[in-house]
């Protein structure tokens, strides 16, 4: 699939899959979306409610933006994070090297963005004093973790483009990967997804969405 870099409304870049007309992040603002969905309503929620350290699973590593912003947040909050990103089709260096995310943050993090993309796949890498990254090149259907993660960033492509990534089969695997009291956040708020998560024992919260979306989901497991 042909991909190209585009600018979103907050000035930050994303990648567009031209044949789908679908982008990796919201065209209304890639950084705004990541901050609202994954940092504010995911990481900060988990940190404030229970955990001085957080194990995170990202379903859809993509541009590395969610990972990059989580690394920065770990530094700001002084928390330990072990981050696992799943990606079936990694970006090449011509794609990730022209993304402008580092321009929006302190210059001291500039090397971190490059490092998270150049670190080895399928290997646990130390990126900072309190941040470990494991990138796994795999299809979502092939993950097999158990009781490992406090927080899941579910950032797959939209249901209309890849409905196979929003099935009960996938969410059963995600639930298995989560610890008791684990939290899942996603930009989506589709009725079918809500019903699947509820059927699997998640408590669903519909929250105000990021710019351009009315609602998002935070789903919590009970112990």
Protein backbone atom coordinates (compact mmCIF):
# COMPACT_ATOMS: atom_id res chain seq x y z
CA UNK A 1 0.00 0.00 0.00
CA UNK A 2 1.36 3.40 -0.98
CA UNK A 3 1.88 5.73 1.98
CA UNK A 4 2.75 9.41 2.19
CA UNK A 5 3.39 11.97 4.92
CA UNK A 6 0.73 14.65 5.39
CA UNK A 7 0.23 17.52 7.85
CA UNK A 8 -2.69 17.47 10.28
CA UNK A 9 -4.58 20.49 11.62
CA UNK A 10 -2.36 20.96 14.69
CA UNK A 11 0.73 21.09 12.46
CA UNK A 12 1.98 17.61 13.32
CA UNK A 13 2.44 14.96 10.65
CA UNK A 14 0.82 11.63 10.06
CA UNK A 15 1.00 8.95 7.38
CA UNK A 16 -1.80 8.59 4.81
CA UNK A 17 -2.58 5.31 3.07
CA UNK A 18 -3.58 6.72 -0.28
CA UNK A 19 -5.67 3.82 -1.56
CA UNK A 20 -7.84 3.91 1.57
CA UNK A 21 -7.85 7.63 2.22
CA UNK A 22 -7.12 6.62 5.82
CA UNK A 23 -4.38 8.10 8.01
CA UNK A 24 -2.47 6.69 10.98
CA UNK A 25 -3.72 9.57 13.16
CA UNK A 26 -6.58 12.03 13.12
CA UNK A 27 -6.33 14.66 10.40
CA UNK A 28 -7.65 17.09 13.03
CA UNK A 29 -4.36 16.79 14.90
CA UNK A 30 -2.06 13.81 15.41
CA UNK A 31 -0.43 15.09 18.59
CA UNK A 32 -3.72 16.38 19.99
CA UNK A 33 -5.31 12.97 19.48
CA UNK A 34 -2.42 11.07 21.08
CA UNK A 35 -2.34 13.45 24.05
CA UNK A 36 -6.08 13.26 24.67
CA UNK A 37 -6.73 9.56 24.11
CA UNK A 38 -3.58 7.78 25.19
CA UNK A 39 -1.77 10.13 27.57
CA UNK A 40 -4.53 12.05 29.39
CA UNK A 41 -7.21 9.34 29.46
CA UNK A 42 -4.88 6.34 29.51
CA UNK A 43 -1.46 6.76 31.08
CA UNK A 44 -2.34 9.56 33.52
CA UNK A 45 -5.52 7.76 34.57
CA UNK A 46 -3.63 4.55 35.36
CA UNK A 47 -0.77 6.37 37.07
CA UNK A 48 -3.08 8.48 39.25
CA UNK A 49 -5.31 5.58 40.21
CA UNK A 50 -2.77 2.96 41.14
CA UNK A 51 0.62 2.53 39.56
CA UNK A 52 4.09 4.02 40.12
CA UNK A 53 5.20 1.83 37.21
CA UNK A 54 3.19 0.85 34.14
CA UNK A 55 3.47 -1.94 31.58
CA UNK A 56 1.93 -0.79 28.29
CA UNK A 57 0.89 -2.72 25.20
CA UNK A 58 0.30 -0.72 22.03
CA UNK A 59 -1.69 -2.43 19.31
CA UNK A 60 -0.46 -0.52 16.25
CA UNK A 61 3.03 0.97 16.77
CA UNK A 62 2.77 2.90 13.49
CA UNK A 63 4.61 6.22 13.45
CA UNK A 64 5.88 5.77 17.01
CA UNK A 65 4.06 8.93 18.14
CA UNK A 66 2.20 7.31 21.05
CA UNK A 67 5.41 5.66 22.20
CA UNK A 68 7.40 8.89 21.89
CA UNK A 69 4.87 10.90 23.88
CA UNK A 70 4.70 8.16 26.52
CA UNK A 71 8.49 8.23 26.89
CA UNK A 72 8.31 12.00 27.47
CA UNK A 73 5.45 11.60 29.95
CA UNK A 74 7.40 8.94 31.85
CA UNK A 75 10.18 11.47 32.29
CA UNK A 76 7.81 14.25 33.37
CA UNK A 77 5.92 12.05 35.87
CA UNK A 78 9.05 10.16 36.97
CA UNK A 79 7.48 6.76 36.46
CA UNK A 80 8.94 3.50 35.15
CA UNK A 81 7.42 2.24 31.92
CA UNK A 82 7.91 -0.96 30.00
CA UNK A 83 6.39 -0.45 26.55
CA UNK A 84 5.57 -3.17 24.01
CA UNK A 85 4.49 -2.14 20.52
CA UNK A 86 2.92 -4.50 17.98
CA UNK A 87 3.26 -3.65 14.29
CA UNK A 88 2.75 -5.81 11.21
CA UNK A 89 4.13 -3.35 8.67
CA UNK A 90 6.80 -1.04 10.12
CA UNK A 91 7.61 2.32 8.56
CA UNK A 92 10.86 2.57 6.65
CA UNK A 93 13.49 5.19 7.45
CA UNK A 94 12.38 7.44 4.59
CA UNK A 95 8.96 7.65 6.24
CA UNK A 96 9.68 8.02 9.95
CA UNK A 97 12.72 10.28 9.50
CA UNK A 98 10.65 13.12 7.99
CA UNK A 99 7.94 13.12 10.68
CA UNK A 100 8.06 16.39 12.64
CA UNK A 101 7.00 15.30 16.14
CA UNK A 102 10.29 16.29 17.77
CA UNK A 103 9.59 19.94 16.82
CA UNK A 104 6.73 20.05 19.35
CA UNK A 105 8.73 18.97 22.40
CA UNK A 106 11.89 19.83 24.29
CA UNK A 107 14.96 19.41 22.07
CA UNK A 108 16.46 17.02 24.62
CA UNK A 109 14.04 14.35 23.35
CA UNK A 110 15.12 14.65 19.71
CA UNK A 111 17.45 11.66 19.81
CA UNK A 112 14.80 9.54 21.57
CA UNK A 113 12.49 9.57 18.55
CA UNK A 114 15.25 8.31 16.29
CA UNK A 115 16.29 5.74 18.85
CA UNK A 116 12.81 4.25 19.18
CA UNK A 117 12.69 3.71 15.42
CA UNK A 118 16.23 2.39 15.02
CA UNK A 119 16.12 0.05 18.02
CA UNK A 120 16.04 -3.65 17.16
CA UNK A 121 12.76 -5.42 16.58
CA UNK A 122 11.81 -8.32 18.84
CA UNK A 123 14.30 -7.22 21.49
CA UNK A 124 13.91 -5.30 24.76
CA UNK A 125 15.79 -1.99 24.43
CA UNK A 126 16.69 0.54 27.13
CA UNK A 127 15.77 4.05 25.86
CA UNK A 128 16.10 6.10 29.05
CA UNK A 129 16.54 5.73 32.79
CA UNK A 130 12.92 4.71 33.19
CA UNK A 131 11.73 3.55 29.77
CA UNK A 132 12.12 0.14 28.14
CA UNK A 133 10.81 -0.58 24.64
CA UNK A 134 10.06 -3.89 22.97
CA UNK A 135 8.88 -3.65 19.36
CA UNK A 136 7.36 -6.82 17.97
CA UNK A 137 6.77 -7.23 14.26
CA UNK A 138 3.61 -9.30 14.25
CA UNK A 139 0.01 -9.35 13.16
CA UNK A 140 -2.51 -8.65 15.92
CA UNK A 141 -3.97 -12.12 15.45
CA UNK A 142 -0.66 -13.71 16.46
CA UNK A 143 -0.01 -12.04 19.82
CA UNK A 144 0.11 -14.32 22.85
CA UNK A 145 0.64 -12.59 26.19
CA UNK A 146 -0.89 -13.43 29.55
CA UNK A 147 -1.42 -11.19 32.60
CA UNK A 148 1.32 -8.81 31.48
CA UNK A 149 -0.03 -5.28 30.91
CA UNK A 150 -1.60 -2.56 33.02
CA UNK A 151 -2.61 -0.44 30.05
CA UNK A 152 -3.44 -1.08 26.40
CA UNK A 153 -3.34 1.56 23.68
CA UNK A 154 -5.64 0.13 21.01
CA UNK A 155 -4.72 2.15 17.93
CA UNK A 156 -5.63 -0.07 14.99
CA UNK A 157 -6.86 1.36 11.70
CA UNK A 158 -10.55 2.21 11.59
CA UNK A 159 -13.23 -0.49 11.63
CA UNK A 160 -14.35 0.36 8.10
CA UNK A 161 -10.87 -0.38 6.73
CA UNK A 162 -9.75 -3.34 8.83
CA UNK A 163 -12.78 -4.83 10.61
CA UNK A 164 -10.77 -8.00 11.31
CA UNK A 165 -8.78 -6.03 13.90
CA UNK A 166 -11.90 -5.15 15.90
CA UNK A 167 -13.31 -8.64 16.44
CA UNK A 168 -14.06 -10.66 19.54
CA UNK A 169 -11.09 -12.89 18.67
CA UNK A 170 -8.70 -9.93 18.90
CA UNK A 171 -10.18 -8.54 22.09
CA UNK A 172 -10.07 -11.98 23.76
CA UNK A 173 -6.32 -11.95 23.12
CA UNK A 174 -6.04 -8.41 24.45
CA UNK A 175 -7.98 -9.28 27.61
CA UNK A 176 -5.75 -12.30 28.19
CA UNK A 177 -2.71 -10.01 27.90
CA UNK A 178 -4.01 -7.61 30.57
CA UNK A 179 -3.53 -7.71 34.31
CA UNK A 180 -6.49 -7.57 36.72
CA UNK A 181 -7.74 -3.96 36.85
CA UNK A 182 -6.09 -3.33 33.47
CA UNK A 183 -7.26 -0.44 31.31
CA UNK A 184 -7.77 -0.19 27.54
CA UNK A 185 -8.12 3.12 25.71
CA UNK A 186 -8.99 3.71 22.08
CA UNK A 187 -10.11 6.58 19.89
CA UNK A 188 -13.04 4.45 18.67
CA UNK A 189 -16.53 4.35 20.09
CA UNK A 190 -18.39 2.02 17.75
CA UNK A 191 -21.42 0.17 19.09
CA UNK A 192 -20.16 -3.23 18.01
CA UNK A 193 -16.84 -2.67 19.79
CA UNK A 194 -18.66 -1.57 22.96
CA UNK A 195 -20.79 -4.71 22.91
CA UNK A 196 -17.79 -7.01 22.43
CA UNK A 197 -15.88 -5.41 25.29
CA UNK A 198 -18.90 -5.54 27.61
CA UNK A 199 -19.45 -9.21 26.77
CA UNK A 200 -15.86 -9.90 27.81
CA UNK A 201 -16.33 -8.30 31.21
CA UNK A 202 -14.99 -4.79 30.61
CA UNK A 203 -16.61 -1.78 32.24
CA UNK A 204 -17.05 0.80 29.47
CA UNK A 205 -16.68 4.55 29.86
CA UNK A 206 -17.62 6.77 26.96
CA UNK A 207 -15.47 9.87 27.24
CA UNK A 208 -15.34 13.08 25.23
CA UNK A 209 -13.28 12.37 22.14
CA UNK A 210 -10.30 14.25 20.70
CA UNK A 211 -10.83 17.05 18.15
CA UNK A 212 -12.98 15.73 15.31
CA UNK A 213 -14.54 12.87 17.31
CA UNK A 214 -17.53 13.06 19.63
CA UNK A 215 -16.59 10.14 21.89
CA UNK A 216 -13.82 7.67 22.75
CA UNK A 217 -13.71 4.53 24.91
CA UNK A 218 -11.94 3.70 28.13
CA UNK A 219 -12.56 0.07 29.13
CA UNK A 220 -11.55 -1.27 32.55
CA UNK A 221 -11.24 -4.82 33.82
CA UNK A 222 -12.25 -5.71 37.34
CA UNK A 223 -9.97 -7.89 39.44
